[in-house]
Amino acid sequence: STRPLSATGIAVLGRLRREGPTTLQSLAAAE
């Protein structure tokens, strides 16, 4: 609750943690 993010924002962080650095375009497609 200190810095609330959208569900998609949290999902993006999780995806970057699991899959490593990636392009903005592939993040958009994945989400």
PDB file of all heavy atoms in Angstrom:
ATOM      1  N   SER A   1       0.807  -1.226   0.000  1.00  0.00           N
ATOM      2  CA  SER A   1       0.000   0.000   0.000  1.00  0.00           C
ATOM      3  C   SER A   1       0.840   1.276   0.000  1.00  0.00           C
ATOM      4  O   SER A   1       0.294   2.357  -0.139  1.00  0.00           O
ATOM      5  CB  SER A   1      -0.938  -0.010   1.209  1.00  0.00           C
ATOM      6  OG  SER A   1      -0.181  -0.180   2.386  1.00  0.00           O
ATOM      7  N   THR A   2       2.157   1.159   0.165  1.00  0.00           N
ATOM      8  CA  THR A   2       2.962   2.369   0.218  1.00  0.00           C
ATOM      9  C   THR A   2       3.024   3.063  -1.140  1.00  0.00           C
ATOM     10  O   THR A   2       2.944   4.272  -1.214  1.00  0.00           O
ATOM     11  CB  THR A   2       4.398   2.061   0.697  1.00  0.00           C
ATOM     12  OG1 THR A   2       4.948   1.046  -0.131  1.00  0.00           O
ATOM     13  CG2 THR A   2       4.404   1.613   2.142  1.00  0.00           C
ATOM     14  N   ARG A   3       3.159   2.291  -2.211  1.00  0.00           N
ATOM     15  CA  ARG A   3       3.173   2.852  -3.567  1.00  0.00           C
ATOM     16  C   ARG A   3       2.296   1.957  -4.424  1.00  0.00           C
ATOM     17  O   ARG A   3       2.798   1.063  -5.108  1.00  0.00           O
ATOM     18  CB  ARG A   3       4.589   2.904  -4.128  1.00  0.00           C
ATOM     19  CG  ARG A   3       5.473   3.907  -3.413  1.00  0.00           C
ATOM     20  CD  ARG A   3       6.838   3.918  -3.999  1.00  0.00           C
ATOM     21  NE  ARG A   3       7.548   2.698  -3.603  1.00  0.00           N
ATOM     22  CZ  ARG A   3       8.805   2.454  -3.878  1.00  0.00           C
ATOM     23  NH1 ARG A   3       9.513   3.314  -4.560  1.00  0.00           N
ATOM     24  NH2 ARG A   3       9.387   1.337  -3.494  1.00  0.00           N
ATOM     25  N   PRO A   4       0.979   2.181  -4.386  1.00  0.00           N
ATOM     26  CA  PRO A   4       0.086   1.259  -5.078  1.00  0.00           C
ATOM     27  C   PRO A   4       0.305   1.255  -6.595  1.00  0.00           C
ATOM     28  O   PRO A   4       0.529   2.290  -7.195  1.00  0.00           O
ATOM     29  CB  PRO A   4      -1.310   1.758  -4.723  1.00  0.00           C
ATOM     30  CG  PRO A   4      -1.135   3.169  -4.281  1.00  0.00           C
ATOM     31  CD  PRO A   4       0.265   3.279  -3.749  1.00  0.00           C
ATOM     32  N   LEU A   5       0.271   0.078  -7.160  1.00  0.00           N
ATOM     33  CA  LEU A   5       0.380  -0.108  -8.605  1.00  0.00           C
ATOM     34  C   LEU A   5      -0.864  -0.816  -9.100  1.00  0.00           C
ATOM     35  O   LEU A   5      -1.531  -1.520  -8.341  1.00  0.00           O
ATOM     36  CB  LEU A   5       1.596  -0.984  -8.943  1.00  0.00           C
ATOM     37  CG  LEU A   5       2.978  -0.435  -8.639  1.00  0.00           C
ATOM     38  CD1 LEU A   5       4.025  -1.462  -9.048  1.00  0.00           C
ATOM     39  CD2 LEU A   5       3.207   0.873  -9.361  1.00  0.00           C
ATOM     40  N   SER A   6      -1.123  -0.677 -10.381  1.00  0.00           N
ATOM     41  CA  SER A   6      -2.204  -1.434 -10.994  1.00  0.00           C
ATOM     42  C   SER A   6      -1.837  -2.914 -11.020  1.00  0.00           C
ATOM     43  O   SER A   6      -0.666  -3.285 -10.898  1.00  0.00           O
ATOM     44  CB  SER A   6      -2.438  -0.941 -12.426  1.00  0.00           C
ATOM     45  OG  SER A   6      -1.323  -1.297 -13.238  1.00  0.00           O
ATOM     46  N   ALA A   7      -2.850  -3.735 -11.198  1.00  0.00           N
ATOM     47  CA  ALA A   7      -2.596  -5.179 -11.317  1.00  0.00           C
ATOM     48  C   ALA A   7      -1.654  -5.450 -12.482  1.00  0.00           C
ATOM     49  O   ALA A   7      -0.773  -6.306 -12.388  1.00  0.00           O
ATOM     50  CB  ALA A   7      -3.922  -5.928 -11.494  1.00  0.00           C
ATOM     51  N   THR A   8      -1.808  -4.704 -13.575  1.00  0.00           N
ATOM     52  CA  THR A   8      -0.925  -4.901 -14.732  1.00  0.00           C
ATOM     53  C   THR A   8       0.498  -4.474 -14.400  1.00  0.00           C
ATOM     54  O   THR A   8       1.460  -5.134 -14.794  1.00  0.00           O
ATOM     55  CB  THR A   8      -1.450  -4.141 -15.963  1.00  0.00           C
ATOM     56  OG1 THR A   8      -2.800  -4.532 -16.205  1.00  0.00           O
ATOM     57  CG2 THR A   8      -0.618  -4.441 -17.204  1.00  0.00           C
ATOM     58  N   GLY A   9       0.646  -3.390 -13.650  1.00  0.00           N
ATOM     59  CA  GLY A   9       1.985  -2.957 -13.244  1.00  0.00           C
ATOM     60  C   GLY A   9       2.692  -4.027 -12.431  1.00  0.00           C
ATOM     61  O   GLY A   9       3.870  -4.329 -12.654  1.00  0.00           O
ATOM     62  N   ILE A  10       1.968  -4.626 -11.488  1.00  0.00           N
ATOM     63  CA  ILE A  10       2.551  -5.698 -10.676  1.00  0.00           C
ATOM     64  C   ILE A  10       2.847  -6.909 -11.557  1.00  0.00           C
ATOM     65  O   ILE A  10       3.897  -7.547 -11.416  1.00  0.00           O
ATOM     66  CB  ILE A  10       1.617  -6.051  -9.501  1.00  0.00           C
ATOM     67  CG1 ILE A  10       1.594  -4.880  -8.512  1.00  0.00           C
ATOM     68  CG2 ILE A  10       2.079  -7.328  -8.801  1.00  0.00           C
ATOM     69  CD1 ILE A  10       0.586  -5.020  -7.399  1.00  0.00           C
ATOM     70  N   ALA A  11       1.946  -7.214 -12.491  1.00  0.00           N
ATOM     71  CA  ALA A  11       2.173  -8.344 -13.399  1.00  0.00           C
ATOM     72  C   ALA A  11       3.426  -8.124 -14.246  1.00  0.00           C
ATOM     73  O   ALA A  11       4.190  -9.063 -14.491  1.00  0.00           O
ATOM     74  CB  ALA A  11       0.945  -8.562 -14.293  1.00  0.00           C
ATOM     75  N   VAL A  12       3.658  -6.892 -14.682  1.00  0.00           N
ATOM     76  CA  VAL A  12       4.854  -6.570 -15.472  1.00  0.00           C
ATOM     77  C   VAL A  12       6.113  -6.803 -14.637  1.00  0.00           C
ATOM     78  O   VAL A  12       7.079  -7.418 -15.116  1.00  0.00           O
ATOM     79  CB  VAL A  12       4.802  -5.121 -16.001  1.00  0.00           C
ATOM     80  CG1 VAL A  12       6.160  -4.662 -16.508  1.00  0.00           C
ATOM     81  CG2 VAL A  12       3.756  -5.001 -17.100  1.00  0.00           C
ATOM     82  N   LEU A  13       6.098  -6.348 -13.390  1.00  0.00           N
ATOM     83  CA  LEU A  13       7.258  -6.580 -12.522  1.00  0.00           C
ATOM     84  C   LEU A  13       7.510  -8.079 -12.351  1.00  0.00           C
ATOM     85  O   LEU A  13       8.652  -8.534 -12.437  1.00  0.00           O
ATOM     86  CB  LEU A  13       7.044  -5.925 -11.149  1.00  0.00           C
ATOM     87  CG  LEU A  13       6.981  -4.403 -11.119  1.00  0.00           C
ATOM     88  CD1 LEU A  13       6.710  -3.921  -9.692  1.00  0.00           C
ATOM     89  CD2 LEU A  13       8.240  -3.774 -11.674  1.00  0.00           C
ATOM     90  N   GLY A  14       6.448  -8.836 -12.142  1.00  0.00           N
ATOM     91  CA  GLY A  14       6.585 -10.288 -11.990  1.00  0.00           C
ATOM     92  C   GLY A  14       7.124 -10.944 -13.245  1.00  0.00           C
ATOM     93  O   GLY A  14       7.977 -11.838 -13.179  1.00  0.00           O
ATOM     94  N   ARG A  15       6.655 -10.497 -14.395  1.00  0.00           N
ATOM     95  CA  ARG A  15       7.131 -11.058 -15.663  1.00  0.00           C
ATOM     96  C   ARG A  15       8.615 -10.740 -15.863  1.00  0.00           C
ATOM     97  O   ARG A  15       9.384 -11.608 -16.289  1.00  0.00           O
ATOM     98  CB  ARG A  15       6.302 -10.509 -16.826  1.00  0.00           C
ATOM     99  CG  ARG A  15       6.644 -11.122 -18.169  1.00  0.00           C
ATOM    100  CD  ARG A  15       5.654 -10.722 -19.234  1.00  0.00           C
ATOM    101  NE  ARG A  15       4.300 -11.178 -18.953  1.00  0.00           N
ATOM    102  CZ  ARG A  15       3.865 -12.423 -19.160  1.00  0.00           C
ATOM    103  NH1 ARG A  15       4.670 -13.331 -19.649  1.00  0.00           N
ATOM    104  NH2 ARG A  15       2.620 -12.741 -18.878  1.00  0.00           N
ATOM    105  N   LEU A  16       9.026  -9.516 -15.546  1.00  0.00           N
ATOM    106  CA  LEU A  16      10.438  -9.152 -15.673  1.00  0.00           C
ATOM    107  C   LEU A  16      11.293  -9.978 -14.714  1.00  0.00           C
ATOM    108  O   LEU A  16      12.408 -10.372 -15.061  1.00  0.00           O
ATOM    109  CB  LEU A  16      10.630  -7.659 -15.416  1.00  0.00           C
ATOM    110  CG  LEU A  16      10.082  -6.732 -16.498  1.00  0.00           C
ATOM    111  CD1 LEU A  16      10.125  -5.285 -16.025  1.00  0.00           C
ATOM    112  CD2 LEU A  16      10.842  -6.900 -17.806  1.00  0.00           C
ATOM    113  N   ARG A  17      10.762 -10.266 -13.527  1.00  0.00           N
ATOM    114  CA  ARG A  17      11.513 -11.091 -12.579  1.00  0.00           C
ATOM    115  C   ARG A  17      11.684 -12.507 -13.119  1.00  0.00           C
ATOM    116  O   ARG A  17      12.756 -13.088 -13.052  1.00  0.00           O
ATOM    117  CB  ARG A  17      10.812 -11.144 -11.222  1.00  0.00           C
ATOM    118  CG  ARG A  17      11.555 -12.080 -10.240  1.00  0.00           C
ATOM    119  CD  ARG A  17      10.708 -12.438  -9.052  1.00  0.00           C
ATOM    120  NE  ARG A  17      10.948 -11.490  -7.971  1.00  0.00           N
ATOM    121  CZ  ARG A  17      10.198 -11.437  -6.885  1.00  0.00           C
ATOM    122  NH1 ARG A  17       9.169 -12.244  -6.744  1.00  0.00           N
ATOM    123  NH2 ARG A  17      10.473 -10.592  -5.922  1.00  0.00           N
ATOM    124  N   ARG A  18      10.613 -13.071 -13.665  1.00  0.00           N
ATOM    125  CA  ARG A  18      10.651 -14.455 -14.168  1.00  0.00           C
ATOM    126  C   ARG A  18      11.437 -14.592 -15.462  1.00  0.00           C
ATOM    127  O   ARG A  18      12.180 -15.556 -15.634  1.00  0.00           O
ATOM    128  CB  ARG A  18       9.223 -14.971 -14.418  1.00  0.00           C
ATOM    129  CG  ARG A  18       8.435 -15.306 -13.186  1.00  0.00           C
ATOM    130  CD  ARG A  18       7.114 -15.979 -13.537  1.00  0.00           C
ATOM    131  NE  ARG A  18       6.344 -15.298 -14.560  1.00  0.00           N
ATOM    132  CZ  ARG A  18       5.527 -14.265 -14.340  1.00  0.00           C
ATOM    133  NH1 ARG A  18       5.379 -13.789 -13.126  1.00  0.00           N
ATOM    134  NH2 ARG A  18       4.862 -13.710 -15.317  1.00  0.00           N
ATOM    135  N   GLU A  19      11.259 -13.640 -16.381  1.00  0.00           N
ATOM    136  CA  GLU A  19      11.762 -13.810 -17.741  1.00  0.00           C
ATOM    137  C   GLU A  19      12.956 -12.936 -18.080  1.00  0.00           C
ATOM    138  O   GLU A  19      13.554 -13.100 -19.131  1.00  0.00           O
ATOM    139  CB  GLU A  19      10.625 -13.570 -18.735  1.00  0.00           C
ATOM    140  CG  GLU A  19       9.476 -14.550 -18.526  1.00  0.00           C
ATOM    141  CD  GLU A  19       8.280 -14.287 -19.429  1.00  0.00           C
ATOM    142  OE1 GLU A  19       8.393 -13.436 -20.344  1.00  0.00           O
ATOM    143  OE2 GLU A  19       7.251 -14.921 -19.199  1.00  0.00           O
ATOM    144  N   GLY A  20      13.278 -11.976 -17.208  1.00  0.00           N
ATOM    145  CA  GLY A  20      14.410 -11.103 -17.476  1.00  0.00           C
ATOM    146  C   GLY A  20      14.025  -9.919 -18.355  1.00  0.00           C
ATOM    147  O   GLY A  20      12.862  -9.743 -18.726  1.00  0.00           O
ATOM    148  N   PRO A  21      15.010  -9.083 -18.695  1.00  0.00           N
ATOM    149  CA  PRO A  21      14.745  -7.887 -19.501  1.00  0.00           C
ATOM    150  C   PRO A  21      14.082  -8.251 -20.833  1.00  0.00           C
ATOM    151  O   PRO A  21      14.412  -9.276 -21.441  1.00  0.00           O
ATOM    152  CB  PRO A  21      16.132  -7.297 -19.738  1.00  0.00           C
ATOM    153  CG  PRO A  21      16.980  -7.857 -18.638  1.00  0.00           C
ATOM    154  CD  PRO A  21      16.413  -9.216 -18.341  1.00  0.00           C
ATOM    155  N   THR A  22      13.170  -7.406 -21.246  1.00  0.00           N
ATOM    156  CA  THR A  22      12.463  -7.662 -22.501  1.00  0.00           C
ATOM    157  C   THR A  22      11.981  -6.347 -23.100  1.00  0.00           C
ATOM    158  O   THR A  22      12.050  -5.306 -22.454  1.00  0.00           O
ATOM    159  CB  THR A  22      11.290  -8.642 -22.273  1.00  0.00           C
ATOM    160  OG1 THR A  22      10.780  -9.056 -23.540  1.00  0.00           O
ATOM    161  CG2 THR A  22      10.184  -8.018 -21.457  1.00  0.00           C
ATOM    162  N   THR A  23      11.503  -6.413 -24.323  1.00  0.00           N
ATOM    163  CA  THR A  23      11.046  -5.197 -24.988  1.00  0.00           C
ATOM    164  C   THR A  23       9.670  -4.789 -24.492  1.00  0.00           C
ATOM    165  O   THR A  23       8.884  -5.609 -24.020  1.00  0.00           O
ATOM    166  CB  THR A  23      10.958  -5.388 -26.517  1.00  0.00           C
ATOM    167  OG1 THR A  23       9.968  -6.371 -26.798  1.00  0.00           O
ATOM    168  CG2 THR A  23      12.298  -5.791 -27.109  1.00  0.00           C
ATOM    169  N   LEU A  24       9.419  -3.509 -24.622  1.00  0.00           N
ATOM    170  CA  LEU A  24       8.115  -2.962 -24.275  1.00  0.00           C
ATOM    171  C   LEU A  24       7.025  -3.634 -25.125  1.00  0.00           C
ATOM    172  O   LEU A  24       5.958  -3.962 -24.611  1.00  0.00           O
ATOM    173  CB  LEU A  24       8.157  -1.453 -24.523  1.00  0.00           C
ATOM    174  CG  LEU A  24       7.045  -0.641 -23.924  1.00  0.00           C
ATOM    175  CD1 LEU A  24       7.588   0.690 -23.444  1.00  0.00           C
ATOM    176  CD2 LEU A  24       5.948  -0.435 -24.921  1.00  0.00           C
ATOM    177  N   GLN A  25       7.322  -3.875 -26.388  1.00  0.00           N
ATOM    178  CA  GLN A  25       6.336  -4.494 -27.276  1.00  0.00           C
ATOM    179  C   GLN A  25       5.978  -5.908 -26.821  1.00  0.00           C
ATOM    180  O   GLN A  25       4.811  -6.290 -26.843  1.00  0.00           O
ATOM    181  CB  GLN A  25       6.864  -4.539 -28.722  1.00  0.00           C
ATOM    182  CG  GLN A  25       6.988  -3.186 -29.384  1.00  0.00           C
ATOM    183  CD  GLN A  25       8.278  -2.438 -29.016  1.00  0.00           C
ATOM    184  OE1 GLN A  25       9.066  -2.874 -28.177  1.00  0.00           O
ATOM    185  NE2 GLN A  25       8.472  -1.285 -29.648  1.00  0.00           N
ATOM    186  N   SER A  26       6.974  -6.690 -26.400  1.00  0.00           N
ATOM    187  CA  SER A  26       6.656  -8.050 -25.971  1.00  0.00           C
ATOM    188  C   SER A  26       5.928  -8.043 -24.629  1.00  0.00           C
ATOM    189  O   SER A  26       5.080  -8.901 -24.380  1.00  0.00           O
ATOM    190  CB  SER A  26       7.899  -8.935 -25.943  1.00  0.00           C
ATOM    191  OG  SER A  26       8.807  -8.477 -24.996  1.00  0.00           O
ATOM    192  N   LEU A  27       6.211  -7.059 -23.773  1.00  0.00           N
ATOM    193  CA  LEU A  27       5.447  -6.928 -22.530  1.00  0.00           C
ATOM    194  C   LEU A  27       3.985  -6.616 -22.839  1.00  0.00           C
ATOM    195  O   LEU A  27       3.085  -7.189 -22.221  1.00  0.00           O
ATOM    196  CB  LEU A  27       6.033  -5.822 -21.646  1.00  0.00           C
ATOM    197  CG  LEU A  27       7.319  -6.147 -20.905  1.00  0.00           C
ATOM    198  CD1 LEU A  27       7.903  -4.885 -20.275  1.00  0.00           C
ATOM    199  CD2 LEU A  27       7.091  -7.227 -19.866  1.00  0.00           C
ATOM    200  N   ALA A  28       3.757  -5.714 -23.776  1.00  0.00           N
ATOM    201  CA  ALA A  28       2.376  -5.370 -24.154  1.00  0.00           C
ATOM    202  C   ALA A  28       1.644  -6.601 -24.669  1.00  0.00           C
ATOM    203  O   ALA A  28       0.503  -6.861 -24.277  1.00  0.00           O
ATOM    204  CB  ALA A  28       2.384  -4.255 -25.206  1.00  0.00           C
ATOM    205  N   ALA A  29       2.295  -7.360 -25.532  1.00  0.00           N
ATOM    206  CA  ALA A  29       1.656  -8.565 -26.084  1.00  0.00           C
ATOM    207  C   ALA A  29       1.384  -9.586 -24.980  1.00  0.00           C
ATOM    208  O   ALA A  29       0.288 -10.164 -24.916  1.00  0.00           O
ATOM    209  CB  ALA A  29       2.544  -9.177 -27.167  1.00  0.00           C
ATOM    210  N   ALA A  30       2.350  -9.793 -24.095  1.00  0.00           N
ATOM    211  CA  ALA A  30       2.195 -10.793 -23.039  1.00  0.00           C
ATOM    212  C   ALA A  30       1.090 -10.417 -22.063  1.00  0.00           C
ATOM    213  O   ALA A  30       0.392 -11.287 -21.542  1.00  0.00           O
ATOM    214  CB  ALA A  30       3.515 -10.970 -22.297  1.00  0.00           C
ATOM    215  N   GLU A  31       0.914  -9.126 -21.805  1.00  0.00           N
ATOM    216  CA  GLU A  31      -0.099  -8.669 -20.844  1.00  0.00           C
ATOM    217  C   GLU A  31      -1.414  -8.275 -21.528  1.00  0.00           C
ATOM    218  O   GLU A  31      -2.322  -7.779 -20.870  1.00  0.00           O
ATOM    219  CB  GLU A  31       0.445  -7.494 -20.019  1.00  0.00           C
ATOM    220  CG  GLU A  31       1.624  -7.875 -19.138  1.00  0.00           C
ATOM    221  CD  GLU A  31       1.308  -8.962 -18.122  1.00  0.00           C
ATOM    222  OE1 GLU A  31       0.163  -9.019 -17.632  1.00  0.00           O
ATOM    223  OE2 GLU A  31       2.217  -9.768 -17.824  1.00  0.00           O
TER     224      GLU A  31
END
